[in-house]
């Protein structure tokens, strides 16, 4: 039940972002859309920014076209395409919310995809995340934000090709 309510809150939040400016979306509005009360919202999320991060994670990780064996490239392509296809949501957030909040929502997703080093056979290494991985995740996150701010001008496939070419060079 908890997971179902969280999912519904994420979906409702994204739908509201398509219709209303971010500052007009209140916790009461989100809760009402789901048929729950404010207290139920606070049972699942600390605030609307916490919800935003989880809603992005939901959009990235709950897609039928991605399987557990999906490559980094496939997952990153899916996320960038989702951002481009949901330009209204992203522009709403960029226009109405301090950039740091969007960065905090995107960073964990990029980290989840890119923050794990792989060996030459494509297997994830057991060691913790080092400087290089952290640096890459920060850089990729910032690049994604600038790409969104430029109205998604670059082609997703070009970004993926360049990004993973760079990563292969770094870990060669």
Protein backbone atom coordinates (compact mmCIF):
# COMPACT_ATOMS: atom_id res chain seq x y z
CA UNK A 1 0.00 0.00 0.00
CA UNK A 2 2.85 2.39 0.90
CA UNK A 3 4.49 1.91 -2.50
CA UNK A 4 1.18 2.41 -4.30
CA UNK A 5 0.52 5.70 -2.48
CA UNK A 6 4.06 6.97 -3.15
CA UNK A 7 3.74 6.07 -6.81
CA UNK A 8 0.38 7.84 -7.08
CA UNK A 9 1.80 10.96 -5.40
CA UNK A 10 4.70 10.97 -7.89
CA UNK A 11 2.38 10.57 -10.87
CA UNK A 12 -0.01 13.26 -9.61
CA UNK A 13 2.87 15.66 -8.99
CA UNK A 14 4.13 15.22 -12.56
CA UNK A 15 0.63 15.73 -13.94
CA UNK A 16 0.23 18.92 -11.91
CA UNK A 17 3.59 20.18 -13.23
CA UNK A 18 2.17 19.84 -16.75
CA UNK A 19 -0.78 22.10 -15.85
CA UNK A 20 0.38 24.63 -13.23
CA UNK A 21 3.49 26.64 -12.40
CA UNK A 22 5.53 24.98 -9.66
CA UNK A 23 4.80 27.68 -7.04
CA UNK A 24 1.06 27.07 -7.44
CA UNK A 25 1.38 23.38 -6.59
CA UNK A 26 0.86 22.88 -2.89
CA UNK A 27 1.08 19.77 -0.78
CA UNK A 28 -2.67 20.06 -0.21
CA UNK A 29 -3.22 20.11 -3.99
CA UNK A 30 -1.02 17.06 -4.55
CA UNK A 31 -2.71 15.16 -1.70
CA UNK A 32 -6.15 16.11 -2.95
CA UNK A 33 -5.31 14.86 -6.48
CA UNK A 34 -4.52 11.47 -4.94
CA UNK A 35 -7.46 11.38 -2.60
CA UNK A 36 -5.27 11.42 0.51
CA UNK A 37 -4.72 14.01 3.22
CA UNK A 38 -1.68 16.19 3.94
CA UNK A 39 -0.59 13.91 6.76
CA UNK A 40 -0.41 10.99 4.34
CA UNK A 41 1.82 13.08 2.08
CA UNK A 42 4.15 13.77 5.02
CA UNK A 43 4.21 10.09 5.90
CA UNK A 44 5.88 9.46 2.52
CA UNK A 45 7.82 12.66 1.79
CA UNK A 46 9.51 15.42 3.77
CA UNK A 47 8.46 18.17 1.36
CA UNK A 48 7.65 18.87 -2.27
CA UNK A 49 11.36 18.83 -3.18
CA UNK A 50 11.73 15.34 -1.73
CA UNK A 51 8.73 14.33 -3.84
CA UNK A 52 10.33 15.89 -6.93
CA UNK A 53 13.45 13.75 -6.51
CA UNK A 54 11.41 10.59 -6.04
CA UNK A 55 9.16 11.46 -8.98
CA UNK A 56 12.22 11.74 -11.24
CA UNK A 57 13.48 8.41 -9.91
CA UNK A 58 10.09 6.85 -10.57
CA UNK A 59 10.12 8.12 -14.16
CA UNK A 60 13.63 6.76 -14.74
CA UNK A 61 13.34 3.38 -13.09
CA UNK A 62 9.74 2.36 -13.82
CA UNK A 63 9.74 1.93 -17.55
CA UNK A 64 8.73 -1.28 -19.27
CA UNK A 65 11.26 -0.73 -22.06
CA UNK A 66 14.13 -0.99 -19.56
CA UNK A 67 15.05 -4.34 -18.11
CA UNK A 68 17.32 -5.19 -15.22
CA UNK A 69 20.06 -5.93 -17.75
CA UNK A 70 19.76 -2.57 -19.53
CA UNK A 71 23.09 -0.93 -20.22
CA UNK A 72 24.14 2.45 -18.89
CA UNK A 73 23.69 3.86 -22.38
CA UNK A 74 20.11 2.58 -22.63
CA UNK A 75 19.16 3.92 -19.21
CA UNK A 76 20.78 7.32 -19.80
CA UNK A 77 19.18 7.56 -23.26
CA UNK A 78 15.79 6.78 -21.73
CA UNK A 79 16.22 9.49 -19.08
CA UNK A 80 17.36 12.15 -21.56
CA UNK A 81 14.51 11.28 -23.92
CA UNK A 82 12.07 11.47 -21.02
CA UNK A 83 13.39 14.93 -20.12
CA UNK A 84 13.14 16.12 -23.72
CA UNK A 85 9.67 14.62 -24.20
CA UNK A 86 8.50 16.20 -20.93
CA UNK A 87 9.95 19.60 -21.68
CA UNK A 88 6.93 21.27 -20.09
CA UNK A 89 7.74 19.74 -16.71
CA UNK A 90 11.46 20.46 -16.90
CA UNK A 91 10.96 24.06 -18.07
CA UNK A 92 8.39 24.60 -15.33
CA UNK A 93 10.92 23.53 -12.71
CA UNK A 94 13.80 25.45 -14.31
CA UNK A 95 11.71 28.61 -14.47
CA UNK A 96 10.17 28.45 -11.02
CA UNK A 97 12.61 26.63 -8.75
CA UNK A 98 16.16 27.40 -7.71
CA UNK A 99 18.50 25.35 -9.93
CA UNK A 100 20.01 23.61 -6.92
CA UNK A 101 16.78 21.74 -6.26
CA UNK A 102 16.67 20.32 -9.77
CA UNK A 103 20.36 19.44 -9.49
CA UNK A 104 19.60 17.59 -6.24
CA UNK A 105 16.80 15.69 -7.99
CA UNK A 106 18.89 14.72 -11.02
CA UNK A 107 22.24 13.95 -9.34
CA UNK A 108 21.09 10.72 -7.61
CA UNK A 109 19.68 9.44 -10.89
CA UNK A 110 22.88 10.14 -12.79
CA UNK A 111 24.84 8.63 -9.91
CA UNK A 112 22.71 5.50 -10.03
CA UNK A 113 23.49 5.08 -13.71
CA UNK A 114 27.00 6.47 -14.01
CA UNK A 115 28.53 6.46 -10.54
CA UNK A 116 29.65 2.89 -10.64
CA UNK A 117 32.93 1.99 -12.23
CA UNK A 118 33.01 -1.02 -14.50
CA UNK A 119 35.96 -3.22 -15.36
CA UNK A 120 37.02 -3.88 -18.95
CA UNK A 121 34.43 -6.67 -19.26
CA UNK A 122 31.57 -4.36 -18.26
CA UNK A 123 31.20 -5.84 -14.75
CA UNK A 124 30.68 -3.44 -11.88
CA UNK A 125 33.72 -3.11 -9.60
CA UNK A 126 33.26 -3.82 -5.91
CA UNK A 127 35.18 -0.79 -4.61
CA UNK A 128 33.49 2.37 -3.37
CA UNK A 129 32.90 5.39 -5.51
CA UNK A 130 36.07 7.34 -6.06
CA UNK A 131 36.96 10.83 -7.13
CA UNK A 132 36.69 10.08 -10.85
CA UNK A 133 33.18 8.65 -10.61
CA UNK A 134 31.97 11.49 -8.38
CA UNK A 135 33.54 14.06 -10.71
CA UNK A 136 31.88 12.47 -13.75
CA UNK A 137 28.46 12.41 -12.09
CA UNK A 138 28.72 16.09 -11.14
CA UNK A 139 29.83 16.99 -14.67
CA UNK A 140 27.11 14.94 -16.35
CA UNK A 141 24.46 16.38 -14.03
CA UNK A 142 25.54 19.93 -14.84
CA UNK A 143 25.68 19.15 -18.56
CA UNK A 144 22.12 17.78 -18.45
CA UNK A 145 20.90 20.96 -16.72
CA UNK A 146 22.60 23.17 -19.30
CA UNK A 147 21.17 21.01 -22.08
CA UNK A 148 17.68 21.52 -20.64
CA UNK A 149 18.26 25.26 -20.23
CA UNK A 150 19.28 25.46 -23.92
CA UNK A 151 15.89 23.99 -24.84
CA UNK A 152 17.28 20.51 -25.54
CA UNK A 153 19.06 21.62 -28.71
CA UNK A 154 21.53 18.74 -28.93
CA UNK A 155 20.40 15.37 -30.20
CA UNK A 156 20.10 12.70 -27.48
CA UNK A 157 21.99 10.09 -29.52
CA UNK A 158 24.84 12.55 -30.11
CA UNK A 159 25.06 13.26 -26.37
CA UNK A 160 25.07 9.55 -25.53
CA UNK A 161 27.73 8.79 -28.16
CA UNK A 162 30.02 11.59 -26.94
CA UNK A 163 29.45 10.86 -23.27
CA UNK A 164 30.22 7.17 -23.49
CA UNK A 165 33.15 7.75 -25.83
CA UNK A 166 34.62 10.01 -23.15
CA UNK A 167 33.93 7.46 -20.41
CA UNK A 168 35.66 4.72 -22.40
CA UNK A 169 38.72 6.95 -22.80
CA UNK A 170 38.81 7.72 -19.09
CA UNK A 171 38.65 4.07 -18.08
CA UNK A 172 40.83 2.68 -20.90
